Each structure stands twice: as C-alpha cells, then as structure tokens.
Amino acid sequence: MENNMKLLMVEDNKAVSEMMSMFFQKENWDVKYAYDGNDAVAMFNEDPNGWDIVTLDLNLPGMDGMQVSSAIRKVSANVPIIILTARDTESDQVLGLEMGADDYVTKPFSPITLIARIKALHRRAEKPSVGTDDEREDDSNHFDIETAHFKLSTARREAYLEDVLIDELTPKEFDLLKTLANKPKQVFSREKLLELVWNYEFFGDERTVDAHIKKLRQKIEKVGPQVIQTVWGVGYKFDDSGAGH
C-alpha cells in the first residue's frame, strides 16, 4: 500500500530533500535520504528487496546518477526508479531511461507533480495479489496472453518468445509489452501508451515511451525475432506473425 511505501531519495541538494520531506510526511511514507552516489548504492544494497521507489538526481558527487542507476539495476531489475534532471539536459533524460530508470521529472519541479508520479509508478509496479494462496498458485500456471510464438503471465511477471524467457524486464517494460501484446497488430500512439502504461493523461514526455521501447526491443532480440514494430508517424504495435519464420 502507498501509505507504507519505503522510498530512497538520492539528492545532493539538501534544500530539495527538506522541502520534499514535508510532503512525504503527509503521505506517511518511510523515506531515507542519500546525498551522494556511493552512499545511495550502499544504502540500497543493505536491503535490495525492501525499497518501493527510488528517486535519483543525476548530478551527484561520488558516483553520478547514471552509475547509481546502473548499480541498482544490477541487483534489482524491478524497483521503480524516477530520475530528477535539469530542463536543459534532454540527452541525460533519455540516457537515464536507457540506463534503467522508469521515468523522469525535470527540475525545478512541483512537489505535487513528483508525488503524483511516484504514486502512479508505484501502482503500476505492484504485483496483483487477489484471491487465496491456492488461487494464486493456480494463476501462476496461467498465461494471460498466449499465441503460437509468445506467452505472458501477469502473476509471474514473465514473458516468453518461442518458449524462451525475455529476461530482466523492468516493471515498465513488462507493462508496456503486455499493453501492446494484449491487442496484437493494433497501433498505439505514444500519447496513448503514456496514458495506459504510465497513467499520464495530462503530462508526460513521449521520449519516455521511445526510450523504453528501445530497451524492450534489445531484450526481446536476445531471445528471438523482433515483435515490437514501429508504425512511422503513428506509434508502435505488437506483431509476432513473423516470429516462426
């Protein structure tokens, strides 16, 4: 539940941390603060499975934000990461997403916006936990999507192409793949994917979608033919009809 969320905020500007601490307290979140990259990695590694969200400034002493994101991803493919960047560093924003972050917020930012993005990301990252233990065990053997070449299980958060696991999918990459695969050959605009996968109806950057598609394609190509197709000028679609050829 969001009320019990444990968050790691990595931010070298203590004024920003102090400002956000008031808003975090209102949400009753358990928040720890790291002020340089080395401390951030050490704190995260103390309990890699215990964190619900990481907010990560890119401009840090010690290890920079890119290195921290990469280090975190080596021990946790699933924890959602939001990077905080300056407005004039567009290449850093895209690179940060490619290094494993799930989203970014530009500085200066509204605390309300950051809180909203954290909540949206956390909701999407939570695994389903409906039903009894026996029902959940049954669900674990069930594929929500199954074609001649592709299978996806929401309960296990796993996807297979030609019966080979597509490994190390982040929460956003999994949700993106599921959204596209759920309606094969339907073309989704970037705006629609932001709404469906990121819950952003009124704000969000289309480069977020492109960066995640790029990483998702790289992971798919490790196990088989590409099933995420670009429809130029429109968006993206899932099509595995050529996978068996």
Protein backbone atom coordinates (compact mmCIF):
# COMPACT_ATOMS: atom_id res chain seq x y z
CA MET A 1 0.00 0.00 0.00
CA GLU A 2 1.12 3.53 -0.72
CA ASN A 3 0.76 4.56 2.93
CA ASN A 4 3.53 2.13 3.87
CA MET A 5 5.81 2.94 0.95
CA LYS A 6 9.55 2.87 1.56
CA LEU A 7 11.36 5.38 -0.62
CA LEU A 8 15.03 6.19 -1.16
CA MET A 9 15.62 9.79 -2.24
CA VAL A 10 19.08 10.38 -3.71
CA GLU A 11 19.62 14.14 -3.86
CA ASP A 12 22.72 16.19 -3.10
CA ASN A 13 20.73 19.41 -2.61
CA LYS A 14 19.55 19.22 0.99
CA ALA A 15 17.10 22.08 0.45
CA VAL A 16 15.24 19.92 -2.08
CA SER A 17 15.25 16.95 0.30
CA GLU A 18 13.99 19.08 3.17
CA MET A 19 11.22 20.54 1.03
CA MET A 20 10.09 17.09 -0.13
CA SER A 21 10.31 15.62 3.38
CA MET A 22 7.26 17.67 4.41
CA PHE A 23 5.23 16.23 1.55
CA PHE A 24 6.48 12.70 2.20
CA GLN A 25 5.47 13.00 5.85
CA LYS A 26 1.92 13.92 4.82
CA GLU A 27 1.80 10.69 2.83
CA ASN A 28 3.14 8.71 5.82
CA TRP A 29 5.95 7.28 3.69
CA ASP A 30 9.14 5.85 5.14
CA VAL A 31 11.82 7.86 3.33
CA LYS A 32 15.61 7.62 3.59
CA TYR A 33 17.96 10.19 2.09
CA ALA A 34 21.34 9.77 0.40
CA TYR A 35 23.39 12.82 -0.57
CA ASP A 36 25.99 11.22 -2.83
CA GLY A 37 26.12 8.30 -5.23
CA ASN A 38 28.30 5.99 -3.17
CA ASP A 39 26.06 6.29 -0.10
CA ALA A 40 23.00 5.72 -2.29
CA VAL A 41 24.29 2.40 -3.62
CA ALA A 42 25.40 1.28 -0.16
CA MET A 43 22.01 2.15 1.36
CA PHE A 44 20.11 0.40 -1.43
CA ASN A 45 22.25 -2.73 -1.17
CA GLU A 46 21.51 -3.05 2.55
CA ASP A 47 18.00 -4.21 1.61
CA PRO A 48 17.63 -4.51 -2.19
CA ASN A 49 14.14 -6.01 -1.99
CA GLY A 50 12.88 -3.61 0.68
CA TRP A 51 12.53 -0.44 -1.39
CA ASP A 52 9.35 0.52 -3.22
CA ILE A 53 10.68 3.55 -5.15
CA VAL A 54 14.00 5.32 -5.78
CA THR A 55 14.14 8.99 -6.80
CA LEU A 56 17.53 9.75 -8.25
CA ASP A 57 19.21 13.06 -9.05
CA LEU A 58 21.63 12.74 -11.96
CA ASN A 59 24.17 15.33 -10.81
CA LEU A 60 25.72 13.74 -7.72
CA PRO A 61 29.12 13.73 -6.01
CA GLY A 62 30.91 10.40 -5.95
CA MET A 63 29.11 8.15 -8.39
CA ASP A 64 26.82 10.11 -10.71
CA GLY A 65 23.16 9.27 -11.20
CA MET A 66 23.77 7.16 -14.30
CA GLN A 67 26.26 4.99 -12.43
CA VAL A 68 23.91 4.69 -9.45
CA SER A 69 21.02 3.63 -11.69
CA SER A 70 23.22 1.02 -13.36
CA ALA A 71 24.45 -0.28 -9.99
CA ILE A 72 20.89 -0.56 -8.66
CA ARG A 73 19.74 -2.41 -11.78
CA LYS A 74 22.49 -4.99 -11.30
CA VAL A 75 20.87 -6.09 -8.02
CA SER A 76 17.22 -5.23 -8.71
CA ALA A 77 15.52 -5.33 -12.09
CA ASN A 78 12.17 -4.43 -10.55
CA VAL A 79 12.44 -1.44 -8.20
CA PRO A 80 10.96 1.63 -9.95
CA ILE A 81 13.44 4.50 -10.45
CA ILE A 82 12.49 8.11 -11.14
CA ILE A 83 15.37 10.34 -12.22
CA LEU A 84 15.38 14.08 -11.50
CA THR A 85 17.03 16.20 -14.18
CA ALA A 86 17.51 19.81 -15.23
CA ARG A 87 15.34 21.07 -18.08
CA ASP A 88 18.25 21.65 -20.45
CA THR A 89 19.71 18.16 -20.35
CA GLU A 90 17.44 16.27 -22.74
CA SER A 91 20.15 13.79 -23.69
CA ASP A 92 20.65 12.98 -20.00
CA GLN A 93 16.93 12.34 -19.61
CA VAL A 94 16.87 9.82 -22.45
CA LEU A 95 20.17 8.24 -21.38
CA GLY A 96 18.86 7.90 -17.83
CA LEU A 97 15.84 5.98 -19.12
CA GLU A 98 18.09 3.80 -21.24
CA MET A 99 20.25 3.07 -18.16
CA GLY A 100 17.27 1.53 -16.38
CA ALA A 101 15.18 4.37 -14.95
CA ASP A 102 11.41 4.11 -15.36
CA ASP A 103 10.55 7.80 -15.54
CA TYR A 104 11.97 11.26 -15.07
CA VAL A 105 10.85 14.60 -13.64
CA THR A 106 12.51 17.84 -14.70
CA LYS A 107 13.80 20.45 -12.27
CA PRO A 108 12.52 22.74 -10.96
CA PHE A 109 9.55 20.51 -10.24
CA SER A 110 6.33 20.82 -8.30
CA PRO A 111 6.30 18.60 -5.19
CA ILE A 112 2.71 17.67 -6.05
CA THR A 113 3.85 16.51 -9.50
CA LEU A 114 6.61 14.36 -8.06
CA ILE A 115 4.23 12.82 -5.51
CA ALA A 116 1.74 12.05 -8.30
CA ARG A 117 4.41 10.44 -10.48
CA ILE A 118 5.67 8.34 -7.55
CA LYS A 119 2.14 7.11 -6.81
CA ALA A 120 1.45 6.30 -10.45
CA LEU A 121 4.70 4.40 -10.84
CA HIS A 122 4.19 2.51 -7.59
CA ARG A 123 0.66 1.45 -8.53
CA ARG A 124 1.85 0.08 -11.86
CA ALA A 125 4.75 -1.77 -10.24
CA GLU A 126 2.64 -3.55 -7.63
CA LYS A 127 2.01 -7.18 -8.41
CA PRO A 128 -1.56 -8.50 -8.33
CA SER A 129 -2.43 -10.16 -5.02
CA VAL A 130 -6.09 -11.08 -5.42
CA GLY A 131 -7.54 -14.38 -4.27
CA THR A 132 -6.44 -17.17 -1.98
CA ASP A 133 -2.98 -18.73 -1.92
CA ASP A 134 -4.32 -21.73 -3.84
CA GLU A 135 -5.90 -19.47 -6.45
CA ARG A 136 -2.67 -17.51 -6.81
CA GLU A 137 -0.77 -20.79 -7.25
CA ASP A 138 -3.20 -21.77 -9.99
CA ASP A 139 -2.79 -18.34 -11.59
CA SER A 140 0.97 -18.80 -11.67
CA ASN A 141 0.49 -21.57 -14.24
CA HIS A 142 -1.86 -19.45 -16.34
CA PHE A 143 -0.81 -17.27 -19.27
CA ASP A 144 -2.88 -14.14 -19.78
CA ILE A 145 -1.65 -13.85 -23.36
CA GLU A 146 -0.72 -16.88 -25.45
CA THR A 147 -0.09 -17.10 -29.19
CA ALA A 148 1.85 -19.55 -31.37
CA HIS A 149 5.08 -17.71 -30.56
CA PHE A 150 4.51 -15.58 -27.44
CA LYS A 151 3.27 -16.13 -23.88
CA LEU A 152 2.85 -13.71 -20.96
CA SER A 153 1.95 -14.33 -17.33
CA THR A 154 0.86 -11.37 -15.19
CA ALA A 155 1.02 -13.43 -11.99
CA ARG A 156 4.67 -14.31 -12.59
CA ARG A 157 5.52 -11.06 -14.41
CA GLU A 158 7.16 -13.17 -17.12
CA ALA A 159 7.06 -13.12 -20.91
CA TYR A 160 8.34 -15.77 -23.32
CA LEU A 161 9.13 -15.65 -27.02
CA GLU A 162 9.43 -19.06 -28.71
CA ASP A 163 9.34 -20.51 -25.14
CA VAL A 164 12.47 -18.55 -24.14
CA LEU A 165 12.17 -16.16 -21.20
CA ILE A 166 12.62 -12.47 -22.03
CA ASP A 167 14.90 -11.79 -19.11
CA GLU A 168 15.26 -8.85 -16.69
CA LEU A 169 12.20 -6.85 -17.75
CA THR A 170 11.65 -3.79 -15.57
CA PRO A 171 8.09 -3.13 -14.33
CA LYS A 172 7.52 -0.53 -17.03
CA GLU A 173 8.95 -2.72 -19.80
CA PHE A 174 6.68 -5.59 -18.74
CA ASP A 175 3.60 -3.34 -18.61
CA LEU A 176 4.47 -1.84 -21.99
CA LEU A 177 4.90 -5.27 -23.57
CA LYS A 178 1.66 -6.52 -22.03
CA THR A 179 -0.29 -3.47 -23.23
CA LEU A 180 0.93 -3.91 -26.80
CA ALA A 181 0.64 -7.72 -26.87
CA ASN A 182 -2.85 -7.66 -25.41
CA LYS A 183 -4.09 -6.22 -28.72
CA PRO A 184 -1.88 -7.66 -31.47
CA LYS A 185 -1.44 -5.51 -34.59
CA GLN A 186 -3.33 -2.60 -33.02
CA VAL A 187 -1.29 0.59 -33.35
CA PHE A 188 -0.83 2.58 -30.15
CA SER A 189 0.26 6.22 -30.26
CA ARG A 190 2.91 7.39 -27.82
CA GLU A 191 0.28 9.55 -26.11
CA LYS A 192 -1.99 6.52 -25.64
CA LEU A 193 0.87 4.44 -24.22
CA LEU A 194 1.72 7.22 -21.76
CA GLU A 195 -1.90 7.17 -20.62
CA LEU A 196 -2.22 3.37 -20.39
CA VAL A 197 1.20 2.40 -19.04
CA TRP A 198 2.28 5.50 -17.11
CA ASN A 199 -1.19 6.82 -16.11
CA TYR A 200 -0.30 10.25 -17.53
CA GLU A 201 -3.31 11.82 -19.16
CA PHE A 202 -2.18 15.43 -18.94
CA PHE A 203 1.60 15.37 -18.71
CA GLY A 204 4.46 13.19 -19.76
CA ASP A 205 7.15 13.15 -22.41
CA GLU A 206 6.92 10.91 -25.47
CA ARG A 207 10.67 10.25 -25.25
CA THR A 208 9.86 8.19 -22.17
CA VAL A 209 7.99 5.75 -24.43
CA ASP A 210 10.72 5.70 -27.09
CA ALA A 211 13.48 5.01 -24.55
CA HIS A 212 11.54 2.13 -23.02
CA ILE A 213 10.70 0.67 -26.43
CA LYS A 214 14.41 0.76 -27.29
CA LYS A 215 15.38 -1.16 -24.13
CA LEU A 216 12.48 -3.59 -24.52
CA ARG A 217 13.50 -4.36 -28.11
CA GLN A 218 17.08 -5.04 -27.03
CA LYS A 219 15.87 -7.61 -24.50
CA ILE A 220 13.48 -9.22 -26.99
CA GLU A 221 16.21 -9.51 -29.63
CA LYS A 222 18.36 -11.52 -27.21
CA VAL A 223 15.85 -14.39 -27.38
CA GLY A 224 14.19 -14.18 -30.80
CA PRO A 225 12.86 -12.07 -33.66
CA GLN A 226 11.55 -8.56 -33.05
CA VAL A 227 7.83 -8.39 -32.27
CA ILE A 228 7.54 -4.67 -31.47
CA GLN A 229 7.06 -2.81 -34.73
CA THR A 230 7.25 0.93 -35.41
CA VAL A 231 4.41 2.44 -37.42
CA TRP A 232 6.06 5.59 -38.70
CA GLY A 233 4.28 8.80 -37.79
CA VAL A 234 1.80 6.97 -35.56
CA GLY A 235 3.35 4.81 -32.85
CA TYR A 236 4.00 1.15 -32.09
CA LYS A 237 2.31 -2.24 -32.39
CA PHE A 238 2.90 -5.85 -31.36
CA ASP A 239 3.07 -8.33 -34.23
CA ASP A 240 4.58 -11.80 -33.78
CA SER A 241 3.19 -13.25 -37.01
CA GLY A 242 6.68 -13.44 -38.50
CA ALA A 243 8.32 -14.93 -35.41
CA GLY A 244 8.23 -18.52 -36.59
CA HIS A 245 9.75 -17.86 -40.00
